[in-house]
PDB file of N, CA and C in Angstrom:
ATOM      1  N   MET A   1       0.850  -1.173   0.000  1.00  0.00           N
ATOM      2  CA  MET A   1       0.000   0.000   0.000  1.00  0.00           C
ATOM      3  C   MET A   1       0.890   1.227   0.000  1.00  0.00           C
ATOM      4  N   ALA A   2       0.765   2.015  -1.042  1.00  0.00           N
ATOM      5  CA  ALA A   2       1.555   3.239  -1.138  1.00  0.00           C
ATOM      6  C   ALA A   2       0.807   4.375  -0.459  1.00  0.00           C
ATOM      7  N   LEU A   3       1.490   5.040   0.430  1.00  0.00           N
ATOM      8  CA  LEU A   3       0.916   6.144   1.180  1.00  0.00           C
ATOM      9  C   LEU A   3       1.460   7.442   0.604  1.00  0.00           C
ATOM     10  N   THR A   4       0.628   8.464   0.511  1.00  0.00           N
ATOM     11  CA  THR A   4       1.063   9.748  -0.021  1.00  0.00           C
ATOM     12  C   THR A   4       0.960  10.814   1.054  1.00  0.00           C
ATOM     13  N   LEU A   5       1.553  11.978   0.761  1.00  0.00           N
ATOM     14  CA  LEU A   5       1.451  13.099   1.702  1.00  0.00           C
ATOM     15  C   LEU A   5       0.007  13.527   1.894  1.00  0.00           C
ATOM     16  N   ASP A   6      -0.791  13.443   0.826  1.00  0.00           N
ATOM     17  CA  ASP A   6      -2.209  13.792   0.949  1.00  0.00           C
ATOM     18  C   ASP A   6      -2.927  12.847   1.911  1.00  0.00           C
ATOM     19  N   ASP A   7      -2.563  11.565   1.891  1.00  0.00           N
ATOM     20  CA  ASP A   7      -3.156  10.599   2.831  1.00  0.00           C
ATOM     21  C   ASP A   7      -2.818  10.971   4.267  1.00  0.00           C
ATOM     22  N   VAL A   8      -1.546  11.333   4.498  1.00  0.00           N
ATOM     23  CA  VAL A   8      -1.117  11.699   5.849  1.00  0.00           C
ATOM     24  C   VAL A   8      -1.857  12.946   6.306  1.00  0.00           C
ATOM     25  N   ARG A   9      -1.968  13.936   5.435  1.00  0.00           N
ATOM     26  CA  ARG A   9      -2.681  15.177   5.798  1.00  0.00           C
ATOM     27  C   ARG A   9      -4.162  14.893   6.072  1.00  0.00           C
ATOM     28  N   ARG A  10      -4.760  14.006   5.268  1.00  0.00           N
ATOM     29  CA  ARG A  10      -6.181  13.672   5.451  1.00  0.00           C
ATOM     30  C   ARG A  10      -6.403  12.978   6.793  1.00  0.00           C
ATOM     31  N   VAL A  11      -5.535  12.023   7.121  1.00  0.00           N
ATOM     32  CA  VAL A  11      -5.655  11.327   8.405  1.00  0.00           C
ATOM     33  C   VAL A  11      -5.447  12.310   9.554  1.00  0.00           C
ATOM     34  N   ALA A  12      -4.482  13.200   9.412  1.00  0.00           N
ATOM     35  CA  ALA A  12      -4.248  14.214  10.447  1.00  0.00           C
ATOM     36  C   ALA A  12      -5.473  15.106  10.602  1.00  0.00           C
ATOM     37  N   HIS A  13      -6.103  15.471   9.481  1.00  0.00           N
ATOM     38  CA  HIS A  13      -7.309  16.293   9.546  1.00  0.00           C
ATOM     39  C   HIS A  13      -8.440  15.540  10.250  1.00  0.00           C
ATOM     40  N   LEU A  14      -8.628  14.270   9.889  1.00  0.00           N
ATOM     41  CA  LEU A  14      -9.686  13.474  10.513  1.00  0.00           C
ATOM     42  C   LEU A  14      -9.453  13.298  12.012  1.00  0.00           C
ATOM     43  N   ALA A  15      -8.170  13.213  12.405  1.00  0.00           N
ATOM     44  CA  ALA A  15      -7.830  13.052  13.823  1.00  0.00           C
ATOM     45  C   ALA A  15      -7.760  14.398  14.539  1.00  0.00           C
ATOM     46  N   ARG A  16      -8.024  15.464  13.801  1.00  0.00           N
ATOM     47  CA  ARG A  16      -7.967  16.820  14.358  1.00  0.00           C
ATOM     48  C   ARG A  16      -6.578  17.135  14.917  1.00  0.00           C
ATOM     49  N   ILE A  17      -5.550  16.751  14.128  1.00  0.00           N
ATOM     50  CA  ILE A  17      -4.163  17.006  14.501  1.00  0.00           C
ATOM     51  C   ILE A  17      -3.589  18.008  13.509  1.00  0.00           C
ATOM     52  N   GLU A  18      -3.062  19.093  14.031  1.00  0.00           N
ATOM     53  CA  GLU A  18      -2.414  20.068  13.151  1.00  0.00           C
ATOM     54  C   GLU A  18      -1.017  19.558  12.840  1.00  0.00           C
ATOM     55  N   ILE A  19      -0.689  19.496  11.547  1.00  0.00           N
ATOM     56  CA  ILE A  19       0.594  18.955  11.153  1.00  0.00           C
ATOM     57  C   ILE A  19       1.207  19.863  10.086  1.00  0.00           C
ATOM     58  N   SER A  20       2.490  20.152  10.250  1.00  0.00           N
ATOM     59  CA  SER A  20       3.195  20.986   9.279  1.00  0.00           C
ATOM     60  C   SER A  20       3.604  20.133   8.078  1.00  0.00           C
ATOM     61  N   ASP A  21       4.103  20.802   7.039  1.00  0.00           N
ATOM     62  CA  ASP A  21       4.543  20.063   5.849  1.00  0.00           C
ATOM     63  C   ASP A  21       5.710  19.139   6.178  1.00  0.00           C
ATOM     64  N   GLU A  22       6.664  19.635   6.973  1.00  0.00           N
ATOM     65  CA  GLU A  22       7.796  18.767   7.315  1.00  0.00           C
ATOM     66  C   GLU A  22       7.372  17.675   8.299  1.00  0.00           C
ATOM     67  N   GLY A  23       6.396  17.943   9.149  1.00  0.00           N
ATOM     68  CA  GLY A  23       5.860  16.912  10.038  1.00  0.00           C
ATOM     69  C   GLY A  23       5.143  15.827   9.257  1.00  0.00           C
ATOM     70  N   ALA A  24       4.411  16.249   8.206  1.00  0.00           N
ATOM     71  CA  ALA A  24       3.716  15.277   7.365  1.00  0.00           C
ATOM     72  C   ALA A  24       4.720  14.418   6.605  1.00  0.00           C
ATOM     73  N   ALA A  25       5.803  15.045   6.130  1.00  0.00           N
ATOM     74  CA  ALA A  25       6.827  14.275   5.420  1.00  0.00           C
ATOM     75  C   ALA A  25       7.506  13.280   6.357  1.00  0.00           C
ATOM     76  N   SER A  26       7.763  13.704   7.601  1.00  0.00           N
ATOM     77  CA  SER A  26       8.373  12.804   8.589  1.00  0.00           C
ATOM     78  C   SER A  26       7.429  11.653   8.932  1.00  0.00           C
ATOM     79  N   ALA A  27       6.153  11.978   9.103  1.00  0.00           N
ATOM     80  CA  ALA A  27       5.166  10.941   9.406  1.00  0.00           C
ATOM     81  C   ALA A  27       5.038   9.971   8.236  1.00  0.00           C
ATOM     82  N   LEU A  28       5.106  10.496   7.012  1.00  0.00           N
ATOM     83  CA  LEU A  28       5.040   9.642   5.827  1.00  0.00           C
ATOM     84  C   LEU A  28       6.211   8.667   5.796  1.00  0.00           C
ATOM     85  N   ARG A  29       7.421   9.139   6.103  1.00  0.00           N
ATOM     86  CA  ARG A  29       8.589   8.253   6.140  1.00  0.00           C
ATOM     87  C   ARG A  29       8.413   7.179   7.211  1.00  0.00           C
ATOM     88  N   ASP A  30       7.964   7.591   8.396  1.00  0.00           N
ATOM     89  CA  ASP A  30       7.780   6.634   9.495  1.00  0.00           C
ATOM     90  C   ASP A  30       6.718   5.591   9.148  1.00  0.00           C
ATOM     91  N   LEU A  31       5.595   6.053   8.625  1.00  0.00           N
ATOM     92  CA  LEU A  31       4.508   5.119   8.287  1.00  0.00           C
ATOM     93  C   LEU A  31       4.899   4.187   7.150  1.00  0.00           C
ATOM     94  N   THR A  32       5.635   4.711   6.176  1.00  0.00           N
ATOM     95  CA  THR A  32       6.104   3.864   5.074  1.00  0.00           C
ATOM     96  C   THR A  32       7.023   2.771   5.610  1.00  0.00           C
ATOM     97  N   GLY A  33       7.900   3.143   6.545  1.00  0.00           N
ATOM     98  CA  GLY A  33       8.778   2.149   7.159  1.00  0.00           C
ATOM     99  C   GLY A  33       8.002   1.090   7.923  1.00  0.00           C
ATOM    100  N   ILE A  34       6.961   1.517   8.629  1.00  0.00           N
ATOM    101  CA  ILE A  34       6.129   0.571   9.385  1.00  0.00           C
ATOM    102  C   ILE A  34       5.413  -0.379   8.433  1.00  0.00           C
ATOM    103  N   PHE A  35       4.849   0.179   7.341  1.00  0.00           N
ATOM    104  CA  PHE A  35       4.152  -0.671   6.367  1.00  0.00           C
ATOM    105  C   PHE A  35       5.105  -1.650   5.699  1.00  0.00           C
ATOM    106  N   GLU A  36       6.338  -1.225   5.427  1.00  0.00           N
ATOM    107  CA  GLU A  36       7.325  -2.131   4.838  1.00  0.00           C
ATOM    108  C   GLU A  36       7.658  -3.267   5.802  1.00  0.00           C
ATOM    109  N   LEU A  37       7.795  -2.939   7.079  1.00  0.00           N
ATOM    110  CA  LEU A  37       8.063  -3.973   8.087  1.00  0.00           C
ATOM    111  C   LEU A  37       6.909  -4.965   8.157  1.00  0.00           C
ATOM    112  N   ILE A  38       5.692  -4.450   8.109  1.00  0.00           N
ATOM    113  CA  ILE A  38       4.519  -5.331   8.151  1.00  0.00           C
ATOM    114  C   ILE A  38       4.509  -6.257   6.940  1.00  0.00           C
ATOM    115  N   GLU A  39       4.824  -5.738   5.773  1.00  0.00           N
ATOM    116  CA  GLU A  39       4.859  -6.566   4.570  1.00  0.00           C
ATOM    117  C   GLU A  39       5.944  -7.638   4.659  1.00  0.00           C
ATOM    118  N   ARG A  40       7.112  -7.290   5.208  1.00  0.00           N
ATOM    119  CA  ARG A  40       8.171  -8.298   5.380  1.00  0.00           C
ATOM    120  C   ARG A  40       7.733  -9.373   6.356  1.00  0.00           C
ATOM    121  N   MET A  41       7.021  -8.982   7.422  1.00  0.00           N
ATOM    122  CA  MET A  41       6.549  -9.959   8.402  1.00  0.00           C
ATOM    123  C   MET A  41       5.481 -10.869   7.795  1.00  0.00           C
ATOM    124  N   ARG A  42       4.622 -10.311   6.937  1.00  0.00           N
ATOM    125  CA  ARG A  42       3.582 -11.113   6.300  1.00  0.00           C
ATOM    126  C   ARG A  42       4.175 -12.115   5.314  1.00  0.00           C
ATOM    127  N   ALA A  43       5.354 -11.820   4.779  1.00  0.00           N
ATOM    128  CA  ALA A  43       5.984 -12.691   3.795  1.00  0.00           C
ATOM    129  C   ALA A  43       6.617 -13.929   4.427  1.00  0.00           C
ATOM    130  N   VAL A  44       6.815 -13.928   5.720  1.00  0.00           N
ATOM    131  CA  VAL A  44       7.448 -15.056   6.406  1.00  0.00           C
ATOM    132  C   VAL A  44       6.473 -16.226   6.470  1.00  0.00           C
ATOM    133  N   ASP A  45       6.949 -17.428   6.111  1.00  0.00           N
ATOM    134  CA  ASP A  45       6.127 -18.630   6.161  1.00  0.00           C
ATOM    135  C   ASP A  45       6.082 -19.145   7.601  1.00  0.00           C
ATOM    136  N   VAL A  46       4.917 -19.083   8.210  1.00  0.00           N
ATOM    137  CA  VAL A  46       4.764 -19.525   9.598  1.00  0.00           C
ATOM    138  C   VAL A  46       3.910 -20.786   9.702  1.00  0.00           C
ATOM    139  N   SER A  47       3.673 -21.439   8.575  1.00  0.00           N
ATOM    140  CA  SER A  47       2.885 -22.670   8.630  1.00  0.00           C
ATOM    141  C   SER A  47       3.693 -23.724   9.389  1.00  0.00           C
ATOM    142  N   GLY A  48       3.047 -24.434  10.251  1.00  0.00           N
ATOM    143  CA  GLY A  48       3.712 -25.452  11.054  1.00  0.00           C
ATOM    144  C   GLY A  48       4.287 -24.920  12.354  1.00  0.00           C
ATOM    145  N   ILE A  49       4.167 -23.626  12.584  1.00  0.00           N
ATOM    146  CA  ILE A  49       4.658 -23.049  13.838  1.00  0.00           C
ATOM    147  C   ILE A  49       3.460 -22.853  14.753  1.00  0.00           C
ATOM    148  N   GLU A  50       3.543 -23.432  15.940  1.00  0.00           N
ATOM    149  CA  GLU A  50       2.431 -23.343  16.874  1.00  0.00           C
ATOM    150  C   GLU A  50       2.440 -21.983  17.577  1.00  0.00           C
ATOM    151  N   PRO A  51       1.279 -21.343  17.704  1.00  0.00           N
ATOM    152  CA  PRO A  51       1.215 -20.046  18.386  1.00  0.00           C
ATOM    153  C   PRO A  51       1.675 -20.170  19.836  1.00  0.00           C
ATOM    154  N   MET A  52       2.274 -19.094  20.330  1.00  0.00           N
ATOM    155  CA  MET A  52       2.776 -19.073  21.709  1.00  0.00           C
ATOM    156  C   MET A  52       2.017 -18.016  22.498  1.00  0.00           C
ATOM    157  N   SER A  53       1.899 -18.224  23.783  1.00  0.00           N
ATOM    158  CA  SER A  53       1.256 -17.234  24.630  1.00  0.00           C
ATOM    159  C   SER A  53       2.249 -16.197  25.131  1.00  0.00           C
ATOM    160  N   HIS A  54       3.530 -16.481  24.979  1.00  0.00           N
ATOM    161  CA  HIS A  54       4.576 -15.560  25.436  1.00  0.00           C
ATOM    162  C   HIS A  54       5.780 -15.725  24.525  1.00  0.00           C
ATOM    163  N   ALA A  55       6.547 -14.664  24.355  1.00  0.00           N
ATOM    164  CA  ALA A  55       7.703 -14.714  23.462  1.00  0.00           C
ATOM    165  C   ALA A  55       8.807 -15.627  23.986  1.00  0.00           C
ATOM    166  N   GLN A  56       8.852 -15.818  25.280  1.00  0.00           N
ATOM    167  CA  GLN A  56       9.839 -16.712  25.868  1.00  0.00           C
ATOM    168  C   GLN A  56       9.132 -17.945  26.400  1.00  0.00           C
ATOM    169  N   ASP A  57       9.833 -19.057  26.446  1.00  0.00           N
ATOM    170  CA  ASP A  57       9.250 -20.304  26.938  1.00  0.00           C
ATOM    171  C   ASP A  57       9.311 -20.297  28.463  1.00  0.00           C
ATOM    172  N   LEU A  58       8.318 -19.682  29.074  1.00  0.00           N
ATOM    173  CA  LEU A  58       8.283 -19.559  30.530  1.00  0.00           C
ATOM    174  C   LEU A  58       7.201 -20.454  31.110  1.00  0.00           C
ATOM    175  N   THR A  59       7.455 -20.937  32.302  1.00  0.00           N
ATOM    176  CA  THR A  59       6.421 -21.628  33.052  1.00  0.00           C
ATOM    177  C   THR A  59       6.252 -20.903  34.373  1.00  0.00           C
ATOM    178  N   LEU A  60       5.015 -20.776  34.791  1.00  0.00           N
ATOM    179  CA  LEU A  60       4.736 -20.086  36.044  1.00  0.00           C
ATOM    180  C   LEU A  60       4.954 -21.028  37.216  1.00  0.00           C
ATOM    181  N   ARG A  61       5.536 -20.481  38.253  1.00  0.00           N
ATOM    182  CA  ARG A  61       5.682 -21.267  39.469  1.00  0.00           C
ATOM    183  C   ARG A  61       4.365 -21.199  40.216  1.00  0.00           C
ATOM    184  N   LEU A  62       3.779 -22.333  40.451  1.00  0.00           N
ATOM    185  CA  LEU A  62       2.494 -22.385  41.132  1.00  0.00           C
ATOM    186  C   LEU A  62       2.668 -22.980  42.513  1.00  0.00           C
ATOM    187  N   ARG A  63       1.890 -22.472  43.443  1.00  0.00           N
ATOM    188  CA  ARG A  63       1.921 -23.041  44.790  1.00  0.00           C
ATOM    189  C   ARG A  63       0.905 -24.175  44.856  1.00  0.00           C
ATOM    190  N   ASN A  64       1.043 -25.003  45.850  1.00  0.00           N
ATOM    191  CA  ASN A  64       0.075 -26.079  46.053  1.00  0.00           C
ATOM    192  C   ASN A  64      -1.279 -25.483  46.397  1.00  0.00           C
ATOM    193  N   ASP A  65      -2.323 -26.079  45.883  1.00  0.00           N
ATOM    194  CA  ASP A  65      -3.675 -25.620  46.168  1.00  0.00           C
ATOM    195  C   ASP A  65      -4.118 -26.248  47.484  1.00  0.00           C
ATOM    196  N   ALA A  66      -3.739 -25.597  48.570  1.00  0.00           N
ATOM    197  CA  ALA A  66      -4.036 -26.139  49.893  1.00  0.00           C
ATOM    198  C   ALA A  66      -4.655 -25.045  50.758  1.00  0.00           C
ATOM    199  N   VAL A  67      -5.555 -25.432  51.657  1.00  0.00           N
ATOM    200  CA  VAL A  67      -6.178 -24.499  52.584  1.00  0.00           C
ATOM    201  C   VAL A  67      -5.128 -24.051  53.585  1.00  0.00           C
ATOM    202  N   THR A  68      -4.954 -22.720  53.706  1.00  0.00           N
ATOM    203  CA  THR A  68      -3.953 -22.194  54.640  1.00  0.00           C
ATOM    204  C   THR A  68      -4.586 -21.369  55.755  1.00  0.00           C
ATOM    205  N   GLU A  69      -5.869 -21.044  55.612  1.00  0.00           N
ATOM    206  CA  GLU A  69      -6.551 -20.235  56.616  1.00  0.00           C
ATOM    207  C   GLU A  69      -7.651 -21.060  57.289  1.00  0.00           C
ATOM    208  N   ALA A  70      -7.906 -20.751  58.539  1.00  0.00           N
ATOM    209  CA  ALA A  70      -8.983 -21.427  59.271  1.00  0.00           C
ATOM    210  C   ALA A  70     -10.333 -20.852  58.842  1.00  0.00           C
ATOM    211  N   ASP A  71     -11.381 -21.661  58.944  1.00  0.00           N
ATOM    212  CA  ASP A  71     -12.725 -21.215  58.591  1.00  0.00           C
ATOM    213  C   ASP A  71     -13.235 -20.255  59.656  1.00  0.00           C
ATOM    214  N   GLN A  72     -13.472 -18.996  59.297  1.00  0.00           N
ATOM    215  CA  GLN A  72     -13.949 -17.974  60.239  1.00  0.00           C
ATOM    216  C   GLN A  72     -15.324 -17.448  59.825  1.00  0.00           C
ATOM    217  N   HIS A  73     -16.060 -18.248  59.076  1.00  0.00           N
ATOM    218  CA  HIS A  73     -17.375 -17.867  58.580  1.00  0.00           C
ATOM    219  C   HIS A  73     -18.308 -17.434  59.724  1.00  0.00           C
ATOM    220  N   ALA A  74     -18.383 -18.221  60.744  1.00  0.00           N
ATOM    221  CA  ALA A  74     -19.275 -17.911  61.865  1.00  0.00           C
ATOM    222  C   ALA A  74     -18.838 -16.638  62.582  1.00  0.00           C
ATOM    223  N   LEU A  75     -17.548 -16.437  62.732  1.00  0.00           N
ATOM    224  CA  LEU A  75     -17.032 -15.223  63.380  1.00  0.00           C
ATOM    225  C   LEU A  75     -17.418 -13.980  62.591  1.00  0.00           C
ATOM    226  N   PHE A  76     -17.259 -14.022  61.275  1.00  0.00           N
ATOM    227  CA  PHE A  76     -17.587 -12.864  60.446  1.00  0.00           C
ATOM    228  C   PHE A  76     -19.078 -12.572  60.468  1.00  0.00           C
ATOM    229  N   GLN A  77     -19.900 -13.615  60.471  1.00  0.00           N
ATOM    230  CA  GLN A  77     -21.337 -13.390  60.484  1.00  0.00           C
ATOM    231  C   GLN A  77     -21.852 -12.975  61.846  1.00  0.00           C
ATOM    232  N   SER A  78     -21.095 -13.203  62.880  1.00  0.00           N
ATOM    233  CA  SER A  78     -21.550 -12.818  64.225  1.00  0.00           C
ATOM    234  C   SER A  78     -21.648 -11.308  64.381  1.00  0.00           C
ATOM    235  N   VAL A  79     -20.914 -10.550  63.589  1.00  0.00           N
ATOM    236  CA  VAL A  79     -20.957  -9.087  63.690  1.00  0.00           C
ATOM    237  C   VAL A  79     -21.806  -8.454  62.589  1.00  0.00           C
ATOM    238  N   ALA A  80     -22.393  -9.256  61.715  1.00  0.00           N
ATOM    239  CA  ALA A  80     -23.226  -8.728  60.631  1.00  0.00           C
ATOM    240  C   ALA A  80     -24.578  -8.310  61.187  1.00  0.00           C
ATOM    241  N   PRO A  81     -25.165  -7.238  60.643  1.00  0.00           N
ATOM    242  CA  PRO A  81     -26.465  -6.776  61.139  1.00  0.00           C
ATOM    243  C   PRO A  81     -27.583  -7.792  60.948  1.00  0.00           C
ATOM    244  N   GLN A  82     -27.637  -8.461  59.771  1.00  0.00           N
ATOM    245  CA  GLN A  82     -28.684  -9.447  59.521  1.00  0.00           C
ATOM    246  C   GLN A  82     -28.101 -10.620  58.752  1.00  0.00           C
ATOM    247  N   VAL A  83     -28.408 -11.828  59.266  1.00  0.00           N
ATOM    248  CA  VAL A  83     -27.931 -13.056  58.633  1.00  0.00           C
ATOM    249  C   VAL A  83     -29.083 -14.053  58.663  1.00  0.00           C
ATOM    250  N   GLU A  84     -29.211 -14.809  57.565  1.00  0.00           N
ATOM    251  CA  GLU A  84     -30.234 -15.850  57.532  1.00  0.00           C
ATOM    252  C   GLU A  84     -29.709 -17.017  56.705  1.00  0.00           C
ATOM    253  N   SER A  85     -29.740 -18.203  57.269  1.00  0.00           N
ATOM    254  CA  SER A  85     -29.292 -19.435  56.601  1.00  0.00           C
ATOM    255  C   SER A  85     -27.869 -19.307  56.074  1.00  0.00           C
ATOM    256  N   GLY A  86     -27.018 -18.644  56.834  1.00  0.00           N
ATOM    257  CA  GLY A  86     -25.621 -18.513  56.440  1.00  0.00           C
ATOM    258  C   GLY A  86     -25.369 -17.441  55.397  1.00  0.00           C
ATOM    259  N   LEU A  87     -26.380 -16.633  55.081  1.00  0.00           N
ATOM    260  CA  LEU A  87     -26.238 -15.583  54.074  1.00  0.00           C
ATOM    261  C   LEU A  87     -26.398 -14.210  54.722  1.00  0.00           C
ATOM    262  N   TYR A  88     -25.686 -13.233  54.196  1.00  0.00           N
ATOM    263  CA  TYR A  88     -25.822 -11.854  54.654  1.00  0.00           C
ATOM    264  C   TYR A  88     -27.063 -11.243  54.012  1.00  0.00           C
ATOM    265  N   LEU A  89     -27.888 -10.594  54.792  1.00  0.00           N
ATOM    266  CA  LEU A  89     -29.091  -9.923  54.283  1.00  0.00           C
ATOM    267  C   LEU A  89     -28.794  -8.435  54.136  1.00  0.00           C
ATOM    268  N   VAL A  90     -29.131  -7.901  52.964  1.00  0.00           N
ATOM    269  CA  VAL A  90     -28.874  -6.474  52.701  1.00  0.00           C
ATOM    270  C   VAL A  90     -30.169  -5.828  52.238  1.00  0.00           C
ATOM    271  N   PRO A  91     -30.287  -4.512  52.390  1.00  0.00           N
ATOM    272  CA  PRO A  91     -31.505  -3.838  51.938  1.00  0.00           C
ATOM    273  C   PRO A  91     -31.660  -3.912  50.424  1.00  0.00           C
ATOM    274  N   LYS A  92     -32.894  -3.951  49.973  1.00  0.00           N
ATOM    275  CA  LYS A  92     -33.181  -3.988  48.543  1.00  0.00           C
ATOM    276  C   LYS A  92     -32.883  -2.588  47.973  1.00  0.00           C
ATOM    277  N   VAL A  93     -32.122  -2.536  46.890  1.00  0.00           N
ATOM    278  CA  VAL A  93     -31.750  -1.243  46.327  1.00  0.00           C
ATOM    279  C   VAL A  93     -32.384  -1.009  44.945  1.00  0.00           C
ATOM    280  N   ILE A  94     -32.914  -2.048  44.322  1.00  0.00           N
ATOM    281  CA  ILE A  94     -33.563  -1.903  43.011  1.00  0.00           C
ATOM    282  C   ILE A  94     -34.981  -2.415  43.118  1.00  0.00           C
ATOM    283  N   GLU A  95     -35.909  -1.614  42.660  1.00  0.00           N
ATOM    284  CA  GLU A  95     -37.315  -2.008  42.705  1.00  0.00           C
ATOM    285  C   GLU A  95     -37.646  -2.915  41.560  1.00  0.00           C
TER     286      GLU A  95
END
């Protein structure tokens, strides 16, 4: 895709960005370079390569899934204003 100075000025206008002639020329060079990089990346054959979730082959260190805290359910509900059948009762806020 060939980009022109008019394209850069139009995009700047649509984005409500004031851009000078030399700024537009600089943006055109930068965008052209980005588009060239994208085209080179698209040309690479990636068939047979499995997608990765991270650029490096990392594994997360996981802790054992074990209970570490005592059950304090009854203690917490003892100070609640209203409790019924093990549930906290709150005022109705939506009609």
